[in-house]
Amino acid sequence: MSTASAQSIRKKFFTAHNLWFVFSAAFLLRVLVITIGHTYRIRSGWDHFQFGWEMGRVARALATGYGYANPFVGHTGPTAWVPPLYPLLIAAVFKLTGVYSAASAWLILTLNSVFSAATAPLIYKIAERCYNRRVAVWSAWLWVLYPAFMQYAVHWIWDMALTAMLFSITLLLALMMREIGSAPDTPSQQTTANWLLFAFLWALIAYANPSLLLFLPACGIWILIGARPLSRGFINATLAALFFLALLAPWTIRNHRVFHHLIPMRDNLGAELEAANGPGSNGFEVEAATIPLAACARRTMLYKSLGEYQYSKLMGRKARAYIAAHHAHYAAITLKRFYFYWVSVPHPLGRHPSSEYFRELNYCFFSITGILGLALSLKRRIPAAHMFLWAFILLPITYYLIIANARYRHPLEPLICIFTVYLFQSAGPRKAKPQKAA
C-alpha cells in the first residue's frame, strides 16, 4: 500500500463524522476509565452484593448450578425479581472468568462500554435524520466525551448501558420505517422484515427493562400512521405483535410453571411499591425494596417463609391500603419523585455539600436543555418530534408512581444529548431588521 493511500485511509478514519472512529474513541475512553480508575474493583462487603446487586446474585446462582434463583440471602429458590437478559450476560462472564472476580468485573464493565460506545453512532444517525450533520456530529461527540453520559457504563454492573443502546436502535429503526431523513426515491421501509425486527428489539428491551414497554404502543402507532397502504401496515403490525408475544412466551411459561401464577416478566412490583410508599415515605425507599442482607432480618425471614410471589403480593396489598388511606401524602411524594426524576435525586449523606451541589446542577442542566430542545423541535415541526415527546411523557411514569433514582433517566439521555446540542446550535444573534428609509 502506498504512503498516499495509507494517509487517505487514516484521514477518512480520523474524522469527526466517521462512525467507526466515533465508536472506537468512545470505547477506548471508557475502557481507560475502567482500567486506570480501577472501577472494576467492586466492594466485597455484604458478600459482594454491590457486584450487580440482585442481578449479580441471580448470575451467581446460574453460574454455580442453582438455576435462575437466589436474588438475596442464601438459597431461597427460583425468582422472577429481575428480568433475565442482563443476569444471563453476567452469568456467562462468571463462567469464563470466575464468580465475583476482578476479571469478571472488568469484562462486564467493558461489555457495558461496548453498549455505551455503540450508542454514539446511533445518536449520530438519529440526529442526522431529524436535524442535520452538524447537530449529529456534536451530539455523538458529546455522548463520547461527557463523563455523566458514560458513568453507568464504567461504574455500574446493571442494565442501563444495554437498555439505552437497545432503545436508541429502536428509535432509529422507527425513523427509518417512517422514512424520516430518507432520500425521496427510497423504497418503503415498512416491510414485514422491519416490523418483525421492531418486535424483536422490543422483546430484548422487555427482557432487559420492561418499564420501557409503556412507550411501545405509542411508537408502534406512530410508525403505523405512515404506512401506505394502511391495510398492509396493519397486517404487518399485527404479525409483529404476535411475534413479540411469542418471544416473551418462554419466560412467561417458565414463571407460571415455577410460581403457578401469571407473571409476564417480573414479580417485584408490590415490594417496590411498598418500599417507597409506606408510612413515613418521602419519595425515597423507606426500607430497601431489596430484602435485607442479614439472614435473621425480619423481612428476609418473611420473604423466605412466604416465598417471593406471595411476599410481593403481601407488600403490594400493604402499599395500596396505605395509599388509599393517604391520598394527599401519595400525591405529594409522587410530585416529589417527578422533581427527582428531572432535577436530581439527592445523594445519600456523606458527600461534601459543594460536590453535591455541582452534581445536582449538572443533572438538572441537561434536563432543562433537553426539554427546551424538545420544545423547540416541536415548535419548528422537526420530523419525529411528537414521537420523542411521547417518549418523554411515558417512560418516566412508572418512576413517578413507584420509586425514583437517577439512573432511570438514562434511556432518555441519548435524546437529551441531541436536544441539548440542537438547542445551542439553534441559538444565535438575531438578524437586525432593516431600517425604513427616511
Protein backbone atom coordinates (compact mmCIF):
# COMPACT_ATOMS: atom_id res chain seq x y z
CA MET A 1 0.00 0.00 0.00
CA SER A 2 1.40 3.41 -0.97
CA THR A 3 2.04 6.16 1.55
CA ALA A 4 -0.57 8.35 -0.14
CA SER A 5 -3.30 5.70 0.09
CA ALA A 6 -2.43 4.96 3.73
CA GLN A 7 -2.67 8.66 4.56
CA SER A 8 -6.00 8.83 2.75
CA ILE A 9 -7.38 5.92 4.79
CA ARG A 10 -6.17 7.48 8.04
CA LYS A 11 -7.70 10.83 7.06
CA LYS A 12 -11.05 9.19 6.32
CA PHE A 13 -10.98 7.22 9.58
CA PHE A 14 -9.87 10.04 11.87
CA THR A 15 -12.71 12.40 11.04
CA ALA A 16 -15.37 13.64 13.40
CA HIS A 17 -18.21 12.10 11.39
CA ASN A 18 -16.64 8.68 10.75
CA LEU A 19 -18.85 6.42 12.86
CA TRP A 20 -16.18 3.77 13.38
CA PHE A 21 -13.88 6.46 14.75
CA VAL A 22 -16.67 7.78 16.98
CA PHE A 23 -17.33 4.27 18.33
CA SER A 24 -13.63 3.49 18.78
CA ALA A 25 -12.95 6.73 20.64
CA ALA A 26 -15.94 6.19 22.95
CA PHE A 27 -14.98 2.58 23.66
CA LEU A 28 -11.29 3.25 24.31
CA LEU A 29 -12.08 6.19 26.59
CA ARG A 30 -14.44 4.09 28.67
CA VAL A 31 -12.03 1.17 28.93
CA LEU A 32 -9.28 3.56 30.01
CA VAL A 33 -11.52 4.94 32.76
CA ILE A 34 -12.32 1.40 33.93
CA THR A 35 -8.70 0.27 33.86
CA ILE A 36 -6.88 3.34 35.13
CA GLY A 37 -9.61 4.33 37.56
CA HIS A 38 -9.88 0.75 38.92
CA THR A 39 -13.68 0.92 38.75
CA TYR A 40 -13.65 -2.87 38.34
CA ARG A 41 -12.62 -3.21 41.99
CA ILE A 42 -16.07 -3.80 43.44
CA ARG A 43 -16.51 -3.63 47.21
CA SER A 44 -16.74 -7.09 48.71
CA GLY A 45 -19.00 -6.18 51.64
CA TRP A 46 -22.36 -7.90 52.10
CA ASP A 47 -20.95 -10.96 50.31
CA HIS A 48 -20.20 -8.94 47.12
CA PHE A 49 -23.79 -7.69 46.87
CA GLN A 50 -22.69 -4.46 45.16
CA PHE A 51 -21.36 -6.63 42.33
CA GLY A 52 -24.57 -6.45 40.35
CA TRP A 53 -26.92 -6.44 43.34
CA GLU A 54 -29.88 -8.78 42.70
CA MET A 55 -28.75 -9.42 39.12
CA GLY A 56 -25.30 -10.43 40.35
CA ARG A 57 -26.84 -12.79 42.89
CA VAL A 58 -29.00 -14.46 40.24
CA ALA A 59 -25.99 -14.70 37.93
CA ARG A 60 -24.02 -16.42 40.70
CA ALA A 61 -26.83 -18.94 41.13
CA LEU A 62 -26.88 -19.59 37.38
CA ALA A 63 -23.11 -19.99 37.19
CA THR A 64 -22.98 -22.35 40.17
CA GLY A 65 -25.79 -24.65 39.11
CA TYR A 66 -28.76 -23.37 41.13
CA GLY A 67 -30.68 -22.01 38.18
CA TYR A 68 -32.44 -18.66 37.97
CA ALA A 69 -32.71 -18.21 41.72
CA ASN A 70 -31.44 -16.72 44.98
CA PRO A 71 -31.53 -12.92 44.42
CA PHE A 72 -30.73 -12.04 48.05
CA VAL A 73 -29.51 -14.06 51.03
CA GLY A 74 -28.78 -17.77 50.84
CA HIS A 75 -30.70 -20.31 48.78
CA THR A 76 -34.25 -19.00 48.58
CA GLY A 77 -35.34 -20.76 45.41
CA PRO A 78 -36.48 -19.62 41.96
CA THR A 79 -37.00 -15.94 41.30
CA ALA A 80 -38.59 -13.52 38.87
CA TRP A 81 -37.42 -10.42 40.77
CA VAL A 82 -35.35 -9.11 37.84
CA PRO A 83 -35.74 -9.63 34.07
CA PRO A 84 -33.38 -12.26 32.67
CA LEU A 85 -31.28 -10.68 29.91
CA TYR A 86 -28.60 -8.92 31.92
CA PRO A 87 -28.28 -11.62 34.64
CA LEU A 88 -27.69 -14.18 31.88
CA LEU A 89 -24.95 -11.95 30.48
CA ILE A 90 -23.29 -11.67 33.90
CA ALA A 91 -23.59 -15.43 34.40
CA ALA A 92 -21.85 -16.08 31.07
CA VAL A 93 -18.97 -13.85 32.20
CA PHE A 94 -18.83 -15.62 35.58
CA LYS A 95 -18.47 -18.92 33.74
CA LEU A 96 -15.49 -17.54 31.82
CA THR A 97 -13.61 -15.54 34.43
CA GLY A 98 -14.95 -16.53 37.84
CA VAL A 99 -17.77 -15.55 40.15
CA TYR A 100 -17.36 -12.06 41.64
CA SER A 101 -13.74 -11.85 40.41
CA ALA A 102 -11.97 -8.63 39.43
CA ALA A 103 -11.52 -10.06 35.92
CA SER A 104 -15.28 -10.62 35.66
CA ALA A 105 -15.98 -7.07 36.81
CA TRP A 106 -13.54 -5.68 34.25
CA LEU A 107 -15.05 -7.78 31.45
CA ILE A 108 -18.66 -6.88 32.33
CA LEU A 109 -17.85 -3.17 32.52
CA THR A 110 -16.02 -3.48 29.20
CA LEU A 111 -19.15 -5.02 27.67
CA ASN A 112 -21.11 -2.11 29.14
CA SER A 113 -18.62 0.14 27.39
CA VAL A 114 -19.34 -1.58 24.08
CA PHE A 115 -23.04 -0.87 24.56
CA SER A 116 -22.40 2.74 25.57
CA ALA A 117 -19.93 3.35 22.75
CA ALA A 118 -22.33 1.82 20.21
CA THR A 119 -24.95 4.35 21.32
CA ALA A 120 -22.82 7.23 19.98
CA PRO A 121 -23.15 6.26 16.26
CA LEU A 122 -26.86 5.65 16.87
CA ILE A 123 -27.18 9.18 18.27
CA TYR A 124 -25.43 10.45 15.16
CA LYS A 125 -27.83 8.61 12.86
CA ILE A 126 -30.94 9.76 14.77
CA ALA A 127 -29.79 13.39 14.79
CA GLU A 128 -28.74 13.29 11.13
CA ARG A 129 -32.15 12.03 10.07
CA CYS A 130 -34.10 14.56 12.14
CA TYR A 131 -31.79 17.60 12.05
CA ASN A 132 -28.51 17.85 10.13
CA ARG A 133 -24.93 16.58 10.10
CA ARG A 134 -23.67 19.38 12.34
CA VAL A 135 -26.10 18.50 15.13
CA ALA A 136 -25.31 14.81 14.56
CA VAL A 137 -21.53 15.28 14.95
CA TRP A 138 -21.76 17.41 18.08
CA SER A 139 -24.36 15.12 19.69
CA ALA A 140 -22.30 12.00 19.07
CA TRP A 141 -19.14 13.56 20.46
CA LEU A 142 -20.94 14.97 23.47
CA TRP A 143 -22.00 11.39 24.25
CA VAL A 144 -18.46 10.15 23.68
CA LEU A 145 -16.72 12.67 25.95
CA TYR A 146 -19.09 13.86 28.65
CA PRO A 147 -18.47 11.99 31.93
CA ALA A 148 -22.10 11.92 33.09
CA PHE A 149 -23.15 10.01 29.96
CA MET A 150 -20.53 7.30 30.48
CA GLN A 151 -20.89 6.79 34.24
CA TYR A 152 -23.35 3.91 34.03
CA ALA A 153 -21.09 2.03 31.64
CA VAL A 154 -17.90 2.32 33.69
CA HIS A 155 -19.23 2.15 37.27
CA TRP A 156 -22.48 0.15 37.33
CA ILE A 157 -22.96 -3.57 36.84
CA TRP A 158 -26.57 -3.14 35.82
CA ASP A 159 -28.56 -2.90 32.58
CA MET A 160 -28.54 0.89 31.93
CA ALA A 161 -25.96 0.99 29.11
CA LEU A 162 -27.54 -2.03 27.39
CA THR A 163 -31.06 -0.61 27.70
CA ALA A 164 -30.06 2.82 26.36
CA MET A 165 -28.42 1.19 23.34
CA LEU A 166 -31.42 -1.04 22.58
CA PHE A 167 -33.82 1.88 22.95
CA SER A 168 -31.70 4.01 20.60
CA ILE A 169 -31.64 1.23 17.99
CA THR A 170 -35.43 1.01 18.21
CA LEU A 171 -35.83 4.77 17.75
CA LEU A 172 -33.55 4.71 14.72
CA LEU A 173 -35.50 1.82 13.21
CA ALA A 174 -38.75 3.72 13.80
CA LEU A 175 -37.33 6.74 11.93
CA MET A 176 -36.23 4.50 9.05
CA MET A 177 -39.66 2.86 8.85
CA ARG A 178 -41.34 6.28 8.71
CA GLU A 179 -38.68 7.32 6.15
CA ILE A 180 -37.61 10.34 8.20
CA GLY A 181 -34.44 11.68 6.61
CA SER A 182 -34.53 9.16 3.75
CA ALA A 183 -34.00 10.10 0.14
CA PRO A 184 -37.23 10.78 -1.82
CA ASP A 185 -36.76 7.73 -4.06
CA THR A 186 -36.12 5.33 -1.17
CA PRO A 187 -38.38 2.24 -1.32
CA SER A 188 -40.87 1.84 1.51
CA GLN A 189 -39.21 0.62 4.70
CA GLN A 190 -42.45 -0.67 6.24
CA THR A 191 -41.63 -4.21 5.24
CA THR A 192 -42.63 -7.34 7.11
CA ALA A 193 -38.96 -7.93 7.96
CA ASN A 194 -38.60 -4.49 9.55
CA TRP A 195 -41.79 -4.91 11.56
CA LEU A 196 -40.53 -8.25 12.86
CA LEU A 197 -37.17 -6.65 13.68
CA PHE A 198 -39.08 -3.94 15.56
CA ALA A 199 -40.83 -6.65 17.60
CA PHE A 200 -37.55 -8.45 18.26
CA LEU A 201 -35.88 -5.28 19.57
CA TRP A 202 -38.79 -4.56 21.88
CA ALA A 203 -38.64 -8.13 23.17
CA LEU A 204 -34.97 -7.59 24.04
CA ILE A 205 -35.92 -4.35 25.81
CA ALA A 206 -38.61 -6.23 27.74
CA TYR A 207 -36.05 -8.83 28.83
CA ALA A 208 -33.69 -6.02 29.90
CA ASN A 209 -36.01 -3.40 31.42
CA PRO A 210 -39.76 -3.92 30.91
CA SER A 211 -40.57 -0.49 32.36
CA LEU A 212 -39.85 0.96 28.91
CA LEU A 213 -42.75 -1.00 27.39
CA LEU A 214 -45.11 1.88 28.20
CA PHE A 215 -43.71 3.57 25.09
CA LEU A 216 -44.16 0.58 22.78
CA PRO A 217 -47.80 1.25 21.74
CA ALA A 218 -47.10 4.94 21.02
CA CYS A 219 -44.03 4.07 18.96
CA GLY A 220 -45.84 1.35 17.02
CA ILE A 221 -48.86 3.54 16.27
CA TRP A 222 -46.59 6.38 15.12
CA ILE A 223 -44.91 4.03 12.62
CA LEU A 224 -48.25 2.58 11.50
CA ILE A 225 -49.68 6.03 10.72
CA GLY A 226 -47.07 6.38 7.98
CA ALA A 227 -47.86 3.04 6.34
CA ARG A 228 -49.02 3.09 2.70
CA PRO A 229 -51.34 1.34 2.21
CA LEU A 230 -52.59 1.39 5.78
CA SER A 231 -54.19 -2.06 5.46
CA ARG A 232 -50.83 -3.63 4.64
CA GLY A 233 -49.21 -1.79 7.54
CA PHE A 234 -51.90 -3.06 9.89
CA ILE A 235 -51.24 -6.66 8.80
CA ASN A 236 -47.50 -6.22 9.40
CA ALA A 237 -48.10 -4.59 12.78
CA THR A 238 -50.36 -7.48 13.80
CA LEU A 239 -47.71 -10.01 12.79
CA ALA A 240 -45.13 -8.02 14.78
CA ALA A 241 -47.38 -8.01 17.85
CA LEU A 242 -47.84 -11.78 17.65
CA PHE A 243 -44.11 -12.27 17.17
CA PHE A 244 -43.40 -10.04 20.18
CA LEU A 245 -45.75 -12.08 22.38
CA ALA A 246 -44.24 -15.31 21.08
CA LEU A 247 -40.76 -14.09 22.06
CA LEU A 248 -41.95 -13.29 25.60
CA ALA A 249 -43.85 -16.55 25.96
CA PRO A 250 -40.92 -18.79 27.08
CA TRP A 251 -40.19 -16.60 30.10
CA THR A 252 -43.88 -16.24 30.98
CA ILE A 253 -44.38 -20.01 30.73
CA ARG A 254 -41.31 -20.59 32.91
CA ASN A 255 -42.67 -18.21 35.55
CA HIS A 256 -46.08 -19.89 35.51
CA ARG A 257 -44.54 -23.33 35.96
CA VAL A 258 -42.38 -22.12 38.84
CA PHE A 259 -44.82 -19.85 40.69
CA HIS A 260 -48.18 -21.16 39.41
CA HIS A 261 -49.27 -17.62 38.62
CA LEU A 262 -49.21 -15.42 35.53
CA ILE A 263 -46.01 -13.34 35.71
CA PRO A 264 -45.27 -11.89 32.27
CA MET A 265 -41.82 -10.58 33.19
CA ARG A 266 -41.10 -9.91 36.91
CA ASP A 267 -42.93 -10.13 40.23
CA ASN A 268 -41.40 -7.42 42.43
CA LEU A 269 -43.89 -4.60 41.78
CA GLY A 270 -45.67 -4.94 45.12
CA ALA A 271 -42.42 -4.96 47.09
CA GLU A 272 -41.10 -1.92 45.23
CA LEU A 273 -44.38 -0.07 45.74
CA GLU A 274 -44.41 -0.75 49.48
CA ALA A 275 -40.77 0.14 49.94
CA ALA A 276 -41.26 3.71 48.70
CA ASN A 277 -44.86 4.47 49.63
CA GLY A 278 -45.39 3.29 53.19
CA PRO A 279 -45.61 5.23 56.46
CA GLY A 280 -43.02 8.00 56.64
CA SER A 281 -42.26 7.82 52.92
CA ASN A 282 -40.65 10.90 51.41
CA GLY A 283 -40.02 9.93 47.78
CA PHE A 284 -37.20 7.51 48.55
CA GLU A 285 -37.23 3.91 49.68
CA VAL A 286 -38.35 3.88 53.31
CA GLU A 287 -36.97 0.40 53.80
CA ALA A 288 -34.95 -1.07 50.95
CA ALA A 289 -37.05 -2.80 48.33
CA THR A 290 -34.38 -5.44 48.23
CA ILE A 291 -34.56 -7.92 51.06
CA PRO A 292 -32.21 -7.07 53.97
CA LEU A 293 -28.97 -8.97 53.64
CA ALA A 294 -28.88 -10.33 57.18
CA ALA A 295 -30.28 -13.85 57.26
CA CYS A 296 -32.11 -13.15 60.52
CA ALA A 297 -33.72 -9.87 59.44
CA ARG A 298 -37.49 -9.76 59.75
CA ARG A 299 -38.12 -9.10 56.06
CA THR A 300 -35.65 -11.75 54.98
CA MET A 301 -37.37 -14.37 57.12
CA LEU A 302 -40.79 -13.27 55.84
CA TYR A 303 -39.56 -13.46 52.23
CA LYS A 304 -38.23 -16.97 52.79
CA SER A 305 -41.30 -18.22 54.62
CA LEU A 306 -43.92 -16.84 52.20
CA GLY A 307 -41.95 -17.28 49.01
CA GLU A 308 -41.16 -14.48 46.60
CA TYR A 309 -44.51 -14.23 44.84
CA GLN A 310 -46.64 -14.20 47.98
CA TYR A 311 -44.22 -11.84 49.72
CA SER A 312 -44.50 -9.32 46.88
CA LYS A 313 -48.29 -9.66 46.81
CA LEU A 314 -48.45 -9.03 50.57
CA MET A 315 -46.25 -5.94 50.29
CA GLY A 316 -48.39 -4.70 47.40
CA ARG A 317 -51.58 -5.03 49.45
CA LYS A 318 -49.99 -3.11 52.31
CA ALA A 319 -48.85 -0.34 49.94
CA ARG A 320 -52.23 0.01 48.25
CA ALA A 321 -54.01 0.13 51.61
CA TYR A 322 -51.70 2.88 52.80
CA ILE A 323 -52.07 4.86 49.57
CA ALA A 324 -55.88 4.53 49.71
CA ALA A 325 -55.86 5.98 53.23
CA HIS A 326 -53.35 8.75 52.47
CA HIS A 327 -54.18 10.18 49.03
CA ALA A 328 -52.72 13.62 49.74
CA HIS A 329 -49.44 12.20 51.00
CA TYR A 330 -49.11 9.89 47.99
CA ALA A 331 -49.83 12.78 45.61
CA ALA A 332 -47.16 14.86 47.36
CA ILE A 333 -44.43 12.23 47.14
CA THR A 334 -45.41 11.48 43.52
CA LEU A 335 -44.77 15.15 42.70
CA LYS A 336 -41.53 14.86 44.63
CA ARG A 337 -40.46 11.90 42.51
CA PHE A 338 -41.31 13.91 39.40
CA TYR A 339 -38.95 16.56 40.72
CA PHE A 340 -36.27 13.96 41.50
CA TYR A 341 -36.50 12.40 38.02
CA TRP A 342 -35.82 15.67 36.21
CA VAL A 343 -33.97 17.85 38.73
CA SER A 344 -31.83 15.23 40.54
CA VAL A 345 -32.19 12.60 43.20
CA PRO A 346 -30.24 13.75 46.27
CA HIS A 347 -27.24 11.59 47.00
CA PRO A 348 -27.05 9.71 50.31
CA LEU A 349 -25.38 11.55 53.18
CA GLY A 350 -21.60 11.70 53.25
CA ARG A 351 -20.95 13.83 50.16
CA HIS A 352 -19.39 17.28 50.52
CA PRO A 353 -22.10 19.96 50.01
CA SER A 354 -20.22 21.62 47.15
CA SER A 355 -19.76 18.37 45.19
CA GLU A 356 -23.41 17.50 45.78
CA TYR A 357 -24.44 20.94 44.51
CA PHE A 358 -22.48 20.60 41.28
CA ARG A 359 -23.68 17.03 40.76
CA GLU A 360 -27.30 18.11 41.02
CA LEU A 361 -26.67 21.20 38.88
CA ASN A 362 -25.13 19.05 36.15
CA TYR A 363 -28.05 16.61 36.21
CA CYS A 364 -30.68 19.36 36.21
CA PHE A 365 -28.94 21.34 33.47
CA PHE A 366 -29.32 18.54 30.92
CA SER A 367 -32.96 18.00 31.86
CA ILE A 368 -33.67 21.69 31.22
CA THR A 369 -31.73 21.87 27.97
CA GLY A 370 -33.17 18.57 26.78
CA ILE A 371 -36.77 19.65 27.43
CA LEU A 372 -36.17 23.08 25.86
CA GLY A 373 -34.58 21.43 22.82
CA LEU A 374 -37.59 19.13 22.50
CA ALA A 375 -39.95 22.11 22.81
CA LEU A 376 -38.03 23.94 20.09
CA SER A 377 -38.20 20.83 17.90
CA LEU A 378 -41.97 20.70 18.35
CA LYS A 379 -42.29 24.41 17.57
CA ARG A 380 -40.25 24.07 14.38
CA ARG A 381 -42.08 20.87 13.37
CA ILE A 382 -38.95 18.73 13.32
CA PRO A 383 -39.79 15.25 11.96
CA ALA A 384 -40.47 12.71 14.72
CA ALA A 385 -40.61 15.37 17.45
CA HIS A 386 -44.03 14.14 18.54
CA MET A 387 -42.76 10.57 18.87
CA PHE A 388 -39.91 11.85 21.05
CA LEU A 389 -42.42 13.83 23.12
CA TRP A 390 -44.33 10.63 23.88
CA ALA A 391 -41.08 9.00 24.99
CA PHE A 392 -40.50 11.87 27.43
CA ILE A 393 -44.08 11.58 28.71
CA LEU A 394 -44.40 7.81 29.01
CA LEU A 395 -41.00 6.45 30.05
CA PRO A 396 -40.88 8.20 33.46
CA ILE A 397 -44.47 7.39 34.54
CA THR A 398 -43.58 4.17 36.38
CA TYR A 399 -40.90 6.00 38.34
CA TYR A 400 -43.18 8.90 39.25
CA LEU A 401 -45.68 6.46 40.73
CA ILE A 402 -43.35 4.00 42.46
CA ILE A 403 -39.74 4.97 43.08
CA ALA A 404 -37.15 7.47 41.85
CA ASN A 405 -33.49 7.00 41.00
CA ALA A 406 -31.12 9.00 38.80
CA ARG A 407 -30.25 6.00 36.63
CA TYR A 408 -33.86 5.65 35.45
CA ARG A 409 -33.39 8.67 33.16
CA HIS A 410 -30.54 7.05 31.23
CA PRO A 411 -32.60 5.54 28.36
CA LEU A 412 -33.76 9.09 27.53
CA GLU A 413 -30.28 10.59 27.73
CA PRO A 414 -29.35 9.91 24.07
CA LEU A 415 -32.33 12.07 23.10
CA ILE A 416 -31.50 14.61 25.81
CA CYS A 417 -28.00 14.81 24.32
CA ILE A 418 -29.39 15.51 20.83
CA PHE A 419 -31.93 18.09 22.03
CA THR A 420 -29.28 19.88 24.06
CA VAL A 421 -27.00 20.23 21.05
CA TYR A 422 -29.90 21.30 18.83
CA LEU A 423 -30.92 23.96 21.36
CA PHE A 424 -27.46 25.53 21.44
CA GLN A 425 -26.88 25.10 17.71
CA SER A 426 -30.12 27.00 17.13
CA ALA A 427 -29.10 29.88 19.37
CA GLY A 428 -27.57 32.82 17.59
CA PRO A 429 -27.76 36.55 17.24
CA ARG A 430 -30.96 37.85 15.77
CA LYS A 431 -30.68 39.48 12.42
CA ALA A 432 -31.15 43.23 12.61
CA LYS A 433 -34.31 44.46 10.96
CA PRO A 434 -33.66 46.74 8.00
CA GLN A 435 -34.46 50.34 8.85
CA LYS A 436 -37.03 52.07 6.80
CA ALA A 437 -35.86 54.83 4.54
CA ALA A 438 -36.49 58.32 5.84
